C-alpha atoms as a PDB file:
ATOM      1  CA  MET A   1       7.931  11.617-102.998  1.00  0.00           C
ATOM      2  CA  SER A   2       5.595  11.334-106.014  1.00  0.00           C
ATOM      3  CA  GLN A   3       6.716  12.331-109.490  1.00  0.00           C
ATOM      4  CA  SER A   4       4.128  15.128-109.632  1.00  0.00           C
ATOM      5  CA  GLN A   5       5.787  16.836-106.650  1.00  0.00           C
ATOM      6  CA  ILE A   6       9.058  17.503-108.494  1.00  0.00           C
ATOM      7  CA  ILE A   7       8.990  19.675-111.610  1.00  0.00           C
ATOM      8  CA  THR A   8      12.167  20.308-113.594  1.00  0.00           C
ATOM      9  CA  GLY A   9      13.388  22.558-116.376  1.00  0.00           C
ATOM     10  CA  LEU A  10      16.628  22.369-118.384  1.00  0.00           C
ATOM     11  CA  ALA A  11      18.224  24.754-120.849  1.00  0.00           C
ATOM     12  CA  THR A  12      21.607  25.100-122.538  1.00  0.00           C
ATOM     13  CA  ARG A  13      23.032  27.514-125.110  1.00  0.00           C
ATOM     14  CA  GLU A  14      26.285  27.272-127.027  1.00  0.00           C
ATOM     15  CA  GLY A  15      28.739  30.104-126.496  1.00  0.00           C
ATOM     16  CA  THR A  16      30.952  31.900-128.991  1.00  0.00           C
ATOM     17  CA  ALA A  17      33.845  29.397-128.872  1.00  0.00           C
ATOM     18  CA  GLN A  18      33.347  26.311-131.054  1.00  0.00           C
ATOM     19  CA  ASP A  19      30.868  23.653-129.914  1.00  0.00           C
ATOM     20  CA  ASN A  20      28.966  23.363-126.635  1.00  0.00           C
ATOM     21  CA  ALA A  21      31.149  21.821-123.923  1.00  0.00           C
ATOM     22  CA  ASP A  22      28.299  21.960-121.368  1.00  0.00           C
ATOM     23  CA  ALA A  23      25.772  19.182-120.789  1.00  0.00           C
ATOM     24  CA  ALA A  24      22.894  18.570-118.412  1.00  0.00           C
ATOM     25  CA  ARG A  25      20.622  15.660-117.557  1.00  0.00           C
ATOM     26  CA  VAL A  26      17.656  14.976-115.282  1.00  0.00           C
ATOM     27  CA  TYR A  27      16.845  11.369-114.368  1.00  0.00           C
ATOM     28  CA  ARG A  28      13.623  10.382-112.605  1.00  0.00           C
ATOM     29  CA  MET A  29      13.232   7.005-110.914  1.00  0.00           C
ATOM     30  CA  SER A  30       9.981   5.051-110.609  1.00  0.00           C
ATOM     31  CA  THR A  31       9.923   6.038-106.928  1.00  0.00           C
ATOM     32  CA  GLY A  32       9.853   9.729-107.841  1.00  0.00           C
ATOM     33  CA  THR A  33      13.454  10.359-106.764  1.00  0.00           C
ATOM     34  CA  VAL A  34      15.240  12.763-109.112  1.00  0.00           C
ATOM     35  CA  GLY A  35      18.935  12.966-109.922  1.00  0.00           C
ATOM     36  CA  ALA A  36      20.211  15.932-111.917  1.00  0.00           C
ATOM     37  CA  ALA A  37      23.615  17.054-113.150  1.00  0.00           C
ATOM     38  CA  VAL A  38      25.199  20.012-114.903  1.00  0.00           C
ATOM     39  CA  ILE A  39      28.581  19.356-116.513  1.00  0.00           C
ATOM     40  CA  ASP A  40      30.913  22.094-117.734  1.00  0.00           C
ATOM     41  CA  GLY A  41      33.671  20.700-119.931  1.00  0.00           C
ATOM     42  CA  ILE A  42      37.131  22.184-119.506  1.00  0.00           C
ATOM     43  CA  GLY A  43      38.171  23.625-122.840  1.00  0.00           C
ATOM     44  CA  HIS A  44      36.443  23.097-126.175  1.00  0.00           C
ATOM     45  CA  GLY A  45      36.629  20.593-128.958  1.00  0.00           C
ATOM     46  CA  PRO A  46      34.900  17.478-130.285  1.00  0.00           C
ATOM     47  CA  ARG A  47      36.151  15.168-127.530  1.00  0.00           C
ATOM     48  CA  THR A  48      34.916  17.429-124.749  1.00  0.00           C
ATOM     49  CA  SER A  49      31.528  18.070-126.320  1.00  0.00           C
ATOM     50  CA  ALA A  50      31.068  14.334-126.982  1.00  0.00           C
ATOM     51  CA  THR A  51      32.069  13.280-123.462  1.00  0.00           C
ATOM     52  CA  ALA A  52      30.120  15.898-121.484  1.00  0.00           C
ATOM     53  CA  PRO A  53      26.684  14.336-122.157  1.00  0.00           C
ATOM     54  CA  LEU A  54      27.993  10.931-121.040  1.00  0.00           C
ATOM     55  CA  LEU A  55      29.284  12.459-117.804  1.00  0.00           C
ATOM     56  CA  ALA A  56      25.960  14.204-117.186  1.00  0.00           C
ATOM     57  CA  GLU A  57      23.929  11.045-117.820  1.00  0.00           C
ATOM     58  CA  THR A  58      26.143   8.983-115.529  1.00  0.00           C
ATOM     59  CA  ALA A  59      26.145  11.551-112.739  1.00  0.00           C
ATOM     60  CA  ALA A  60      22.365  12.063-112.813  1.00  0.00           C
ATOM     61  CA  ARG A  61      21.479   8.351-112.893  1.00  0.00           C
ATOM     62  CA  VAL A  62      23.939   7.320-110.193  1.00  0.00           C
ATOM     63  CA  ALA A  63      22.903  10.271-108.015  1.00  0.00           C
ATOM     64  CA  ALA A  64      19.265   9.158-108.126  1.00  0.00           C
ATOM     65  CA  HIS A  65      20.271   5.665-106.981  1.00  0.00           C
ATOM     66  CA  ARG A  66      23.183   6.330-104.629  1.00  0.00           C
ATOM     67  CA  GLY A  67      23.322  10.067-103.856  1.00  0.00           C
ATOM     68  CA  ALA A  68      24.978  13.211-105.191  1.00  0.00           C
ATOM     69  CA  LEU A  69      28.483  12.333-103.997  1.00  0.00           C
ATOM     70  CA  ALA A  70      28.315   8.954-105.739  1.00  0.00           C
ATOM     71  CA  GLY A  71      27.144  10.719-108.896  1.00  0.00           C
ATOM     72  CA  ILE A  72      30.203  12.972-108.888  1.00  0.00           C
ATOM     73  CA  LEU A  73      32.648  10.145-108.188  1.00  0.00           C
ATOM     74  CA  SER A  74      31.125   7.817-110.782  1.00  0.00           C
ATOM     75  CA  ALA A  75      31.316  10.462-113.501  1.00  0.00           C
ATOM     76  CA  GLY A  76      34.869  11.157-112.389  1.00  0.00           C
ATOM     77  CA  LEU A  77      35.861   7.554-112.975  1.00  0.00           C
ATOM     78  CA  LEU A  78      34.999   7.926-116.654  1.00  0.00           C
ATOM     79  CA  VAL A  79      37.733  10.548-117.092  1.00  0.00           C
ATOM     80  CA  ALA A  80      40.144   9.563-114.310  1.00  0.00           C
ATOM     81  CA  ASP A  81      42.690   8.227-116.793  1.00  0.00           C
ATOM     82  CA  GLU A  82      44.263  10.586-119.325  1.00  0.00           C
ATOM     83  CA  GLY A  83      43.680   8.082-122.119  1.00  0.00           C
ATOM     84  CA  HIS A  84      46.050   6.460-124.584  1.00  0.00           C
ATOM     85  CA  ASP A  85      46.848   9.790-126.227  1.00  0.00           C
ATOM     86  CA  GLY A  86      46.921  11.859-123.033  1.00  0.00           C
ATOM     87  CA  GLU A  87      43.981  13.976-124.161  1.00  0.00           C
ATOM     88  CA  GLU A  88      40.995  12.589-122.257  1.00  0.00           C
ATOM     89  CA  ALA A  89      38.268  15.179-121.667  1.00  0.00           C
ATOM     90  CA  ASN A  90      37.835  16.753-118.231  1.00  0.00           C
ATOM     91  CA  ALA A  91      35.067  18.789-116.649  1.00  0.00           C
ATOM     92  CA  VAL A  92      33.624  20.348-113.520  1.00  0.00           C
ATOM     93  CA  ALA A  93      30.170  19.444-112.259  1.00  0.00           C
ATOM     94  CA  VAL A  94      27.290  19.985-109.865  1.00  0.00           C
ATOM     95  CA  VAL A  95      24.904  17.118-109.034  1.00  0.00           C
ATOM     96  CA  VAL A  96      21.778  16.840-106.864  1.00  0.00           C
ATOM     97  CA  ILE A  97      19.444  14.182-105.561  1.00  0.00           C
ATOM     98  CA  VAL A  98      15.893  15.108-104.609  1.00  0.00           C
ATOM     99  CA  ASP A  99      13.936  12.485-102.665  1.00  0.00           C
ATOM    100  CA  ALA A 100      11.691  12.074 -99.635  1.00  0.00           C
ATOM    101  CA  LEU A 101      14.590  13.028 -97.350  1.00  0.00           C
ATOM    102  CA  GLY A 102      15.184  16.380 -99.054  1.00  0.00           C
ATOM    103  CA  THR A 103      17.725  17.816-101.483  1.00  0.00           C
ATOM    104  CA  ARG A 104      21.451  17.089-101.350  1.00  0.00           C
ATOM    105  CA  ALA A 105      23.997  18.651-103.716  1.00  0.00           C
ATOM    106  CA  ALA A 106      27.625  17.870-104.474  1.00  0.00           C
ATOM    107  CA  TRP A 107      30.055  19.711-106.713  1.00  0.00           C
ATOM    108  CA  VAL A 108      33.621  20.006-107.926  1.00  0.00           C
ATOM    109  CA  GLY A 109      35.063  23.072-109.615  1.00  0.00           C
ATOM    110  CA  ASP A 110      33.063  26.192-110.387  1.00  0.00           C
ATOM    111  CA  CYS A 111      29.562  24.987-111.224  1.00  0.00           C
ATOM    112  CA  ASP A 112      26.995  26.494-108.849  1.00  0.00           C
ATOM    113  CA  VAL A 113      23.964  25.408-106.849  1.00  0.00           C
ATOM    114  CA  LEU A 114      21.505  28.018-105.592  1.00  0.00           C
ATOM    115  CA  GLY A 115      18.173  27.977-103.804  1.00  0.00           C
ATOM    116  CA  TRP A 116      15.085  30.200-103.861  1.00  0.00           C
ATOM    117  CA  ASP A 117      12.871  30.230-100.753  1.00  0.00           C
ATOM    118  CA  GLY A 118      10.235  32.624-102.088  1.00  0.00           C
ATOM    119  CA  ARG A 119      12.018  35.760-100.834  1.00  0.00           C
ATOM    120  CA  ARG A 120      15.722  35.494-101.560  1.00  0.00           C
ATOM    121  CA  LEU A 121      18.143  33.682-103.840  1.00  0.00           C
ATOM    122  CA  ARG A 122      20.976  32.042-101.922  1.00  0.00           C
ATOM    123  CA  ARG A 123      24.206  30.632-103.311  1.00  0.00           C
ATOM    124  CA  TYR A 124      25.065  27.375-101.525  1.00  0.00           C
ATOM    125  CA  SER A 125      28.248  26.485-103.388  1.00  0.00           C
ATOM    126  CA  THR A 126      31.718  27.977-103.117  1.00  0.00           C
ATOM    127  CA  PRO A 127      33.763  27.761-106.342  1.00  0.00           C
ATOM    128  CA  GLN A 128      36.778  25.495-106.085  1.00  0.00           C
ATOM    129  CA  VAL A 129      39.051  27.924-107.912  1.00  0.00           C
ATOM    130  CA  MET A 130      42.382  29.414-106.941  1.00  0.00           C
ATOM    131  CA  GLY A 131      40.828  32.878-106.734  1.00  0.00           C
ATOM    132  CA  GLU A 132      38.724  31.817-103.724  1.00  0.00           C
ATOM    133  CA  TRP A 133      41.838  30.455-102.031  1.00  0.00           C
ATOM    134  CA  VAL A 134      43.755  33.691-102.704  1.00  0.00           C
ATOM    135  CA  ARG A 135      40.915  35.791-101.252  1.00  0.00           C
ATOM    136  CA  GLN A 136      41.467  34.177 -97.855  1.00  0.00           C
ATOM    137  CA  TYR A 137      44.715  36.114 -97.598  1.00  0.00           C
ATOM    138  CA  GLY A 138      43.212  39.519 -98.331  1.00  0.00           C
ATOM    139  CA  PRO A 139      44.940  40.680-101.541  1.00  0.00           C
ATOM    140  CA  PRO A 140      43.343  43.329-103.798  1.00  0.00           C
ATOM    141  CA  VAL A 141      40.152  42.126-105.464  1.00  0.00           C
ATOM    142  CA  GLU A 142      41.594  42.368-108.961  1.00  0.00           C
ATOM    143  CA  ILE A 143      44.512  40.101-108.032  1.00  0.00           C
ATOM    144  CA  ALA A 144      42.207  37.405-106.644  1.00  0.00           C
ATOM    145  CA  ALA A 145      39.910  37.687-109.667  1.00  0.00           C
ATOM    146  CA  HIS A 146      42.887  37.003-111.933  1.00  0.00           C
ATOM    147  CA  TYR A 147      42.996  33.430-110.551  1.00  0.00           C
ATOM    148  CA  ASP A 148      39.264  32.643-110.793  1.00  0.00           C
ATOM    149  CA  GLY A 149      39.810  30.729-114.020  1.00  0.00           C
ATOM    150  CA  TRP A 150      42.228  28.318-112.312  1.00  0.00           C
ATOM    151  CA  VAL A 151      40.100  25.342-111.243  1.00  0.00           C
ATOM    152  CA  ARG A 152      41.519  23.506-108.231  1.00  0.00           C
ATOM    153  CA  VAL A 153      39.319  20.376-108.372  1.00  0.00           C
ATOM    154  CA  SER A 154      37.725  18.738-111.412  1.00  0.00           C
ATOM    155  CA  LEU A 155      36.029  15.417-112.137  1.00  0.00           C
ATOM    156  CA  HIS A 156      39.418  14.006-113.122  1.00  0.00           C
ATOM    157  CA  SER A 157      40.731  14.591-109.585  1.00  0.00           C
ATOM    158  CA  ALA A 158      37.495  14.205-107.589  1.00  0.00           C
ATOM    159  CA  THR A 159      37.655  12.198-104.365  1.00  0.00           C
ATOM    160  CA  VAL A 160      35.442  11.931-101.304  1.00  0.00           C
ATOM    161  CA  ALA A 161      37.701  14.462 -99.564  1.00  0.00           C
ATOM    162  CA  THR A 162      37.738  17.006-102.402  1.00  0.00           C
ATOM    163  CA  THR A 163      34.044  16.906-103.342  1.00  0.00           C
ATOM    164  CA  CYS A 164      31.881  19.514-101.578  1.00  0.00           C
ATOM    165  CA  GLU A 165      28.374  18.648-100.340  1.00  0.00           C
ATOM    166  CA  VAL A 166      25.456  20.612 -98.921  1.00  0.00           C
ATOM    167  CA  ASP A 167      21.806  20.092 -97.984  1.00  0.00           C
ATOM    168  CA  ILE A 168      19.402  22.589 -99.557  1.00  0.00           C
ATOM    169  CA  PRO A 169      16.142  23.346 -97.722  1.00  0.00           C
ATOM    170  CA  ASP A 170      14.625  25.620-100.389  1.00  0.00           C
ATOM    171  CA  PRO A 171      11.704  24.539-102.600  1.00  0.00           C
ATOM    172  CA  VAL A 172      13.404  25.767-105.791  1.00  0.00           C
ATOM    173  CA  VAL A 173      16.938  24.582-106.595  1.00  0.00           C
ATOM    174  CA  ILE A 174      19.054  25.973-109.434  1.00  0.00           C
ATOM    175  CA  LEU A 175      22.143  24.341-110.965  1.00  0.00           C
ATOM    176  CA  THR A 176      24.290  26.442-113.308  1.00  0.00           C
ATOM    177  CA  SER A 177      27.488  26.319-115.309  1.00  0.00           C
ATOM    178  CA  ASP A 178      29.757  29.349-115.010  1.00  0.00           C
ATOM    179  CA  GLY A 179      28.475  30.606-118.348  1.00  0.00           C
ATOM    180  CA  VAL A 180      25.365  31.588-116.393  1.00  0.00           C
ATOM    181  CA  HIS A 181      26.556  32.781-113.005  1.00  0.00           C
ATOM    182  CA  ASP A 182      29.694  34.508-114.315  1.00  0.00           C
ATOM    183  CA  GLN A 183      27.802  36.367-117.032  1.00  0.00           C
ATOM    184  CA  VAL A 184      24.493  37.108-115.295  1.00  0.00           C
ATOM    185  CA  THR A 185      24.623  39.421-112.266  1.00  0.00           C
ATOM    186  CA  ALA A 186      23.260  38.282-108.913  1.00  0.00           C
ATOM    187  CA  ASP A 187      20.572  40.970-109.023  1.00  0.00           C
ATOM    188  CA  VAL A 188      19.351  39.823-112.426  1.00  0.00           C
ATOM    189  CA  MET A 189      19.319  36.190-111.311  1.00  0.00           C
ATOM    190  CA  GLU A 190      17.225  37.103-108.285  1.00  0.00           C
ATOM    191  CA  ASP A 191      14.810  39.092-110.437  1.00  0.00           C
ATOM    192  CA  LEU A 192      14.440  36.085-112.738  1.00  0.00           C
ATOM    193  CA  ALA A 193      13.830  33.816-109.747  1.00  0.00           C
ATOM    194  CA  ARG A 194      11.108  36.132-108.497  1.00  0.00           C
ATOM    195  CA  GLU A 195       9.444  36.218-111.914  1.00  0.00           C
ATOM    196  CA  HIS A 196       9.791  32.589-113.009  1.00  0.00           C
ATOM    197  CA  HIS A 197      10.110  30.384-109.901  1.00  0.00           C
ATOM    198  CA  HIS A 198       6.654  28.877-110.514  1.00  0.00           C
ATOM    199  CA  ASP A 199       7.750  27.577-113.940  1.00  0.00           C
ATOM    200  CA  PRO A 200      11.114  25.735-113.883  1.00  0.00           C
ATOM    201  CA  GLN A 201      11.419  25.519-117.667  1.00  0.00           C
ATOM    202  CA  ALA A 202      10.744  29.239-118.142  1.00  0.00           C
ATOM    203  CA  PHE A 203      13.227  29.978-115.344  1.00  0.00           C
ATOM    204  CA  ALA A 204      15.963  27.830-116.910  1.00  0.00           C
ATOM    205  CA  ASP A 205      15.355  29.377-120.327  1.00  0.00           C
ATOM    206  CA  ALA A 206      15.512  32.884-118.886  1.00  0.00           C
ATOM    207  CA  LEU A 207      18.766  32.237-117.018  1.00  0.00           C
ATOM    208  CA  VAL A 208      20.496  30.936-120.123  1.00  0.00           C
ATOM    209  CA  ALA A 209      19.131  33.733-122.326  1.00  0.00           C
ATOM    210  CA  ALA A 210      20.314  36.385-119.850  1.00  0.00           C
ATOM    211  CA  ALA A 211      23.998  35.449-120.202  1.00  0.00           C
ATOM    212  CA  GLN A 212      25.776  38.345-121.887  1.00  0.00           C
ATOM    213  CA  ALA A 213      29.065  38.554-123.765  1.00  0.00           C
ATOM    214  CA  ASP A 214      32.009  40.279-122.081  1.00  0.00           C
ATOM    215  CA  ALA A 215      33.871  43.346-123.332  1.00  0.00           C
ATOM    216  CA  GLU A 216      35.839  41.244-125.815  1.00  0.00           C
ATOM    217  CA  GLY A 217      32.672  39.691-127.239  1.00  0.00           C
ATOM    218  CA  TYR A 218      33.237  36.297-125.595  1.00  0.00           C
ATOM    219  CA  ARG A 219      30.220  34.442-124.243  1.00  0.00           C
ATOM    220  CA  ASP A 220      30.675  31.077-122.560  1.00  0.00           C
ATOM    221  CA  ASP A 221      28.415  28.056-122.958  1.00  0.00           C
ATOM    222  CA  ALA A 222      25.504  28.576-120.568  1.00  0.00           C
ATOM    223  CA  THR A 223      23.499  25.780-118.933  1.00  0.00           C
ATOM    224  CA  ALA A 224      20.912  25.660-116.147  1.00  0.00           C
ATOM    225  CA  ILE A 225      18.652  23.126-114.454  1.00  0.00           C
ATOM    226  CA  VAL A 226      15.798  24.340-112.250  1.00  0.00           C
ATOM    227  CA  ILE A 227      14.016  21.970-109.864  1.00  0.00           C
ATOM    228  CA  LYS A 228      10.812  22.908-108.045  1.00  0.00           C
ATOM    229  CA  ILE A 229       9.743  20.760-105.113  1.00  0.00           C
ATOM    230  CA  LYS A 230       6.066  20.933-104.218  1.00  0.00           C
ATOM    231  CA  LYS A 231       5.281  20.356-100.558  1.00  0.00           C
ATOM    232  CA  GLU A 232       2.529  17.906 -99.636  1.00  0.00           C
ATOM    233  CA  GLN A 233      -0.669  19.562 -98.490  1.00  0.00           C
END
């Protein structure tokens, strides 16, 4: 796949709590293969914000060479040990590879991957949070929602068995941190896809700008990567 057939856009915006713990990277090989990663650091602070870009760079580059699963696991190795002081950074992530074979995504935690086929926006990922597990047993919605902030799998604990993977057939692929998909409604995201899917950078910018603060005034870090794959004529 030639480089001109894959167009990407990336945007990130710091939230209301200290520094930006999100990071995102897109890496393009000489062959045209693209690896991309969105990292959402768990918690805030200088160590998390400093480590997140390293995790994103590692995940994107390894994904381009060895696939999305390898990108997740390689980034995970960087934070697999708690460190000498027990305070090593941790994060959740979503990673994709786009090449001649198609698009493959992998994720841990509650980062999302979505696809736009020209008519509808589809969510391909299922958050690895305790709330999703609780919902399987049919409790009231508000009880399940109470556990959505409890991440079950992170980069620190990522393995082949705990990393989710999916193939995405759509020509536009969207990666987001939860500061986007938790604070932008599905209807608004679909409207933005309909308006901006031809321009990945404008789409990424619009997604991040649309994130709104909650009732308490809190707004999370918001990050998005948009990838548009042009089909050969």
